[in-house]
């Protein structure tokens, strides 16, 4: 799952080498904390958060196929 998040985020940003994804377990859910370069923050969030919501939807769907719960947090 972490590789999926990294792949998706690196495809969006201009500085893929600055992408860091850290999985954190919390109450049976995996939260993937995504850090990107400051200049790429707007690209990952998108207009009105649409890109971030789409990223969360894809990750959640992939996690449910494995009977798990996961989400994505974007850290500035």
Protein backbone atom coordinates (compact mmCIF):
# COMPACT_ATOMS: atom_id res chain seq x y z
CA UNK A 1 0.00 0.00 0.00
CA UNK A 2 2.81 2.40 0.80
CA UNK A 3 4.25 1.83 -2.67
CA UNK A 4 0.87 2.62 -4.22
CA UNK A 5 0.68 5.93 -2.35
CA UNK A 6 4.26 6.81 -3.31
CA UNK A 7 3.61 5.95 -6.96
CA UNK A 8 0.45 8.05 -7.16
CA UNK A 9 1.90 11.08 -5.40
CA UNK A 10 5.18 10.99 -7.35
CA UNK A 11 3.18 11.03 -10.59
CA UNK A 12 1.48 14.28 -9.53
CA UNK A 13 4.39 16.36 -8.21
CA UNK A 14 7.27 18.17 -9.93
CA UNK A 15 9.81 17.02 -7.33
CA UNK A 16 9.23 13.28 -6.88
CA UNK A 17 12.49 12.84 -4.96
CA UNK A 18 11.04 15.00 -2.15
CA UNK A 19 8.04 12.69 -1.58
CA UNK A 20 8.06 10.87 1.75
CA UNK A 21 5.30 8.47 2.80
CA UNK A 22 5.18 7.28 6.41
CA UNK A 23 2.63 4.66 7.51
CA UNK A 24 1.20 5.15 11.00
CA UNK A 25 -1.07 2.59 12.69
CA UNK A 26 -3.93 4.07 14.71
CA UNK A 27 -7.00 2.20 16.03
CA UNK A 28 -6.75 -0.56 13.44
CA UNK A 29 -6.36 1.88 10.57
CA UNK A 30 -3.23 2.70 8.62
CA UNK A 31 -2.73 6.39 8.01
CA UNK A 32 -0.24 7.19 5.26
CA UNK A 33 1.32 10.56 6.06
CA UNK A 34 2.52 12.18 2.84
CA UNK A 35 5.14 14.92 2.82
CA UNK A 36 5.99 16.77 -0.39
CA UNK A 37 8.00 19.84 -1.33
CA UNK A 38 6.27 23.08 -0.38
CA UNK A 39 5.91 24.04 -4.06
CA UNK A 40 4.04 20.78 -4.78
CA UNK A 41 1.61 21.00 -1.88
CA UNK A 42 -1.11 22.65 -3.99
CA UNK A 43 -0.82 19.98 -6.68
CA UNK A 44 -1.33 17.17 -4.20
CA UNK A 45 -4.30 18.86 -2.54
CA UNK A 46 -5.91 20.09 -5.76
CA UNK A 47 -8.79 22.49 -6.22
CA UNK A 48 -11.09 22.33 -3.21
CA UNK A 49 -9.23 19.16 -2.13
CA UNK A 50 -10.40 17.08 -5.09
CA UNK A 51 -7.02 15.50 -5.81
CA UNK A 52 -6.50 14.62 -2.14
CA UNK A 53 -10.01 13.13 -1.97
CA UNK A 54 -9.37 11.06 -5.09
CA UNK A 55 -6.09 9.80 -3.63
CA UNK A 56 -7.88 8.81 -0.41
CA UNK A 57 -10.60 7.03 -2.40
CA UNK A 58 -8.09 4.95 -4.38
CA UNK A 59 -6.09 4.01 -1.27
CA UNK A 60 -9.24 3.16 0.69
CA UNK A 61 -10.54 0.96 -2.14
CA UNK A 62 -7.21 -0.88 -2.40
CA UNK A 63 -7.16 -1.39 1.38
CA UNK A 64 -10.71 -2.76 1.44
CA UNK A 65 -9.72 -5.41 -1.10
CA UNK A 66 -7.30 -6.63 1.57
CA UNK A 67 -9.89 -6.29 4.39
CA UNK A 68 -8.03 -3.35 5.92
CA UNK A 69 -8.73 0.32 6.54
CA UNK A 70 -6.43 3.05 5.27
CA UNK A 71 -6.42 6.76 4.57
CA UNK A 72 -4.01 9.45 3.47
CA UNK A 73 -3.00 12.62 5.33
CA UNK A 74 -1.07 15.34 3.58
CA UNK A 75 1.41 17.05 5.87
CA UNK A 76 2.67 20.50 5.01
